[in-house]
Protein backbone atom coordinates (compact mmCIF):
# COMPACT_ATOMS: atom_id res chain seq x y z
CA MET A 1 -76.94 -181.01 -58.15
CA ALA A 2 -76.75 -181.28 -61.93
CA ALA A 3 -78.60 -183.89 -63.96
CA SER A 4 -75.66 -183.91 -66.40
CA ASP A 5 -73.51 -185.38 -63.61
CA VAL A 6 -75.55 -188.58 -63.83
CA LEU A 7 -73.84 -190.44 -66.65
CA VAL A 8 -75.17 -193.16 -68.91
CA SER A 9 -72.52 -194.14 -71.41
CA PRO A 10 -70.84 -197.07 -73.09
CA ALA A 11 -67.05 -197.02 -73.09
CA THR A 12 -64.52 -197.28 -75.87
CA VAL A 13 -61.31 -199.13 -74.95
CA TRP A 14 -57.92 -197.92 -76.22
CA TYR A 15 -54.32 -199.00 -75.73
CA ALA A 16 -50.84 -197.74 -76.67
CA PRO A 17 -47.20 -198.25 -75.75
CA VAL A 18 -46.18 -197.11 -72.27
CA GLY A 19 -45.09 -193.47 -72.39
CA THR A 20 -47.58 -192.45 -75.08
CA ALA A 21 -48.99 -188.97 -74.48
CA LEU A 22 -52.56 -188.90 -73.22
CA PRO A 23 -55.18 -187.44 -75.55
CA ASN A 24 -55.33 -183.66 -75.19
CA PRO A 25 -58.45 -182.92 -73.10
CA SER A 26 -58.73 -179.44 -74.65
CA THR A 27 -58.71 -180.49 -78.31
CA LEU A 28 -59.91 -184.10 -78.63
CA LEU A 29 -63.69 -184.11 -78.53
CA ALA A 30 -65.87 -186.98 -77.35
CA GLY A 31 -66.10 -189.79 -79.88
CA GLN A 32 -63.15 -188.65 -81.98
CA THR A 33 -60.35 -191.04 -82.89
CA TRP A 34 -57.40 -190.82 -80.54
CA THR A 35 -54.10 -190.02 -82.24
CA ALA A 36 -51.64 -192.80 -83.09
CA PRO A 37 -50.18 -194.85 -81.56
CA TRP A 38 -53.41 -195.18 -79.54
CA ALA A 39 -55.42 -198.09 -81.00
CA ASN A 40 -59.10 -198.86 -80.46
CA LEU A 41 -59.67 -202.43 -79.22
CA GLY A 42 -63.15 -202.61 -80.77
CA TYR A 43 -66.58 -203.61 -79.56
CA THR A 44 -67.28 -204.81 -76.03
CA LEU A 45 -69.95 -207.35 -75.04
CA GLU A 46 -70.21 -206.24 -71.43
CA PRO A 47 -69.87 -202.97 -69.54
CA THR A 48 -66.38 -201.68 -68.80
CA THR A 49 -65.67 -201.31 -65.09
CA LEU A 50 -63.08 -199.54 -62.96
CA ASN A 51 -62.17 -201.33 -59.73
CA MET A 52 -59.95 -200.21 -56.88
CA ASN A 53 -59.34 -202.84 -54.24
CA VAL A 54 -57.73 -201.33 -51.15
CA THR A 55 -56.07 -203.35 -48.40
CA PRO A 56 -55.90 -201.23 -45.24
CA PHE A 57 -53.87 -201.59 -42.08
CA ASP A 58 -55.91 -200.39 -39.12
CA LEU A 59 -54.02 -199.50 -35.94
CA TYR A 60 -55.93 -200.37 -32.80
CA VAL A 61 -54.86 -199.21 -29.36
CA GLN A 62 -55.80 -200.93 -26.12
CA GLN A 63 -57.96 -198.06 -24.90
CA LEU A 64 -60.33 -197.90 -27.91
CA THR A 65 -62.58 -200.30 -29.80
CA VAL A 66 -62.25 -198.51 -33.16
CA PRO A 67 -59.05 -197.91 -35.10
CA LEU A 68 -57.00 -194.88 -34.15
CA ARG A 69 -55.26 -194.69 -37.55
CA THR A 70 -55.36 -196.42 -40.90
CA ILE A 71 -53.09 -196.58 -43.92
CA ARG A 72 -53.35 -198.27 -47.28
CA THR A 73 -50.89 -201.13 -47.58
CA GLN A 74 -51.97 -202.25 -51.04
CA VAL A 75 -54.11 -200.77 -53.83
CA ASP A 76 -55.02 -202.75 -56.93
CA VAL A 77 -56.45 -200.66 -59.78
CA MET A 78 -58.09 -202.50 -62.68
CA LEU A 79 -60.25 -201.85 -65.71
CA GLU A 80 -62.30 -204.87 -66.84
CA THR A 81 -64.49 -205.69 -69.81
CA VAL A 82 -65.29 -208.43 -72.30
CA MET A 83 -64.06 -207.68 -75.80
CA GLY A 84 -66.50 -208.68 -78.53
CA GLU A 85 -64.13 -208.94 -81.47
CA PHE A 86 -62.24 -212.22 -81.83
CA THR A 87 -59.09 -210.79 -83.43
CA ALA A 88 -55.39 -211.62 -83.36
CA ASN A 89 -54.70 -208.25 -81.77
CA THR A 90 -57.10 -208.84 -78.87
CA LEU A 91 -55.93 -212.44 -78.40
CA LYS A 92 -52.29 -211.32 -78.42
CA LEU A 93 -53.05 -208.76 -75.74
CA ALA A 94 -55.12 -211.22 -73.66
CA THR A 95 -52.53 -213.99 -73.76
CA ASP A 96 -49.35 -211.88 -73.92
CA GLY A 97 -48.48 -214.01 -76.92
CA THR A 98 -47.03 -213.40 -80.36
CA VAL A 99 -48.86 -213.27 -83.68
CA VAL A 100 -47.70 -214.55 -87.05
CA THR A 101 -50.01 -213.70 -89.95
CA THR A 102 -50.01 -215.90 -93.07
CA ALA A 103 -51.64 -214.52 -96.19
CA ALA A 104 -53.91 -216.77 -98.21
CA ALA A 105 -52.19 -218.32 -101.25
CA ALA A 106 -52.54 -221.37 -103.45
CA GLY A 107 -52.92 -224.32 -101.07
CA VAL A 108 -52.38 -222.09 -97.99
CA SER A 109 -55.18 -220.72 -95.82
CA GLY A 110 -54.90 -217.18 -94.57
CA ARG A 111 -54.63 -217.15 -90.82
CA ASP A 112 -53.34 -215.51 -87.68
CA GLU A 113 -51.39 -217.82 -85.43
CA ILE A 114 -51.14 -216.74 -81.80
CA THR A 115 -48.41 -218.48 -79.83
CA VAL A 116 -48.22 -218.38 -76.05
CA LEU A 117 -44.95 -219.52 -74.49
CA ALA A 118 -45.25 -221.45 -71.22
CA SER A 119 -41.76 -220.31 -70.28
CA LYS A 120 -42.48 -216.56 -70.53
CA VAL A 121 -42.37 -215.03 -67.05
CA ASP A 122 -42.16 -211.30 -67.83
CA VAL A 123 -45.34 -209.33 -68.56
CA SER A 124 -45.78 -206.96 -71.49
CA LEU A 125 -46.76 -203.43 -70.44
CA PHE A 126 -48.99 -200.91 -72.22
CA ALA A 127 -50.97 -197.75 -71.54
CA PHE A 128 -54.75 -198.21 -71.45
CA GLY A 129 -57.62 -195.78 -71.64
CA ILE A 130 -61.38 -195.80 -71.82
CA GLU A 131 -63.73 -193.06 -72.97
CA GLY A 132 -67.32 -192.45 -72.03
CA VAL A 133 -69.50 -189.41 -72.68
CA ARG A 134 -71.20 -186.78 -70.53
CA VAL A 135 -74.11 -184.93 -72.20
CA THR A 136 -74.87 -181.48 -70.77
CA ASP A 137 -78.27 -179.80 -70.62
CA ALA A 138 -77.14 -177.78 -73.68
CA ASN A 139 -76.49 -181.11 -75.49
CA ALA A 140 -72.72 -180.69 -75.49
CA ARG A 141 -70.98 -184.08 -75.62
CA LEU A 142 -68.03 -184.06 -73.22
CA PRO A 143 -65.54 -186.91 -72.85
CA VAL A 144 -64.95 -188.74 -69.60
CA ARG A 145 -61.64 -190.61 -69.86
CA ILE A 146 -59.89 -192.98 -67.49
CA PHE A 147 -56.24 -193.90 -68.06
CA ILE A 148 -53.82 -196.49 -66.78
CA PRO A 149 -50.49 -195.04 -67.97
CA ARG A 150 -48.59 -198.28 -67.27
CA GLY A 151 -50.33 -201.61 -66.99
CA SER A 152 -50.76 -205.17 -68.16
CA ALA A 153 -53.60 -207.03 -69.82
CA VAL A 154 -54.65 -210.52 -68.83
CA MET A 155 -57.45 -212.84 -69.88
CA ASN A 156 -59.79 -212.66 -66.92
CA GLY A 157 -62.11 -215.63 -67.37
CA PRO A 158 -63.12 -218.22 -69.92
CA VAL A 159 -63.65 -217.69 -73.64
CA THR A 160 -66.95 -219.44 -74.28
CA PHE A 161 -68.30 -220.67 -77.60
CA ALA A 162 -72.11 -220.89 -77.49
CA LYS A 163 -75.00 -220.91 -79.95
CA ASP A 164 -76.84 -218.15 -78.08
CA ALA A 165 -74.10 -215.68 -77.17
CA GLY A 166 -71.24 -213.76 -78.72
CA ILE A 167 -67.75 -215.12 -78.20
CA GLY A 168 -66.11 -212.66 -75.86
CA ILE A 169 -62.57 -212.28 -74.61
CA PRO A 170 -62.67 -211.19 -70.94
CA LEU A 171 -59.85 -208.74 -70.28
CA GLN A 172 -58.50 -207.16 -67.13
CA PHE A 173 -56.13 -204.21 -67.40
CA LYS A 174 -54.11 -203.96 -64.18
CA ALA A 175 -52.34 -200.74 -63.23
CA PHE A 176 -48.72 -200.47 -62.17
CA ALA A 177 -47.07 -197.32 -60.87
CA ASP A 178 -45.08 -195.33 -63.41
CA SER A 179 -41.78 -193.59 -62.58
CA ALA A 180 -43.73 -190.73 -60.94
CA GLY A 181 -45.81 -193.15 -58.86
CA VAL A 182 -48.98 -192.57 -60.91
CA ALA A 183 -51.30 -195.55 -61.41
CA LEU A 184 -54.55 -193.92 -62.57
CA ILE A 185 -55.60 -190.65 -64.25
CA ILE A 186 -59.18 -189.50 -64.77
CA HIS A 187 -60.16 -186.66 -67.12
CA ASN A 188 -63.70 -185.63 -66.22
CA ILE A 189 -64.32 -182.86 -68.78
CA MET A 190 -66.90 -180.40 -67.50
CA ALA A 191 -66.85 -177.77 -70.30
CA LEU A 192 -65.38 -177.43 -73.79
CA ALA A 193 -62.29 -175.28 -74.26
CA LEU A 194 -63.06 -171.68 -75.30
């Protein structure tokens, strides 16, 4: 058992177009900026969680009281958090809307206008990633990264305005299989490259 395997870490949330190369685990150190087109979504108000909900099919035979076999018939993989920055970019992602930015001018207020079409049935897809940190006994900071190579974002709860809390945008990033059937990738870096 290693104490460094017990992690305590916030997570940074990133997103990019589907097909974007994952950060190189041998060269990108913990806490460094991921290369474009990866974009940081900003501060979070709540922890970031990874959920896998599995729906099994258990095969029972007449001679036994426990299943003889089981298979997974459905797996839902999701990352969830509450974003703390009330920005057009986060709102666009949460609502799958469009953004039009108007610069301030004489008699015109500067603003971002997010439009959500009630008739839109397709879902925009992106790649998502989060990064946490493992600290070794030698004080090396190693990244722990979780990726959804192809997924969607959806607002996953209410946006609440309150005098005693930050206004957060609850987001759920749901995984879809890519062309190779991959839904989730985890880079658990255990040692720096030599």
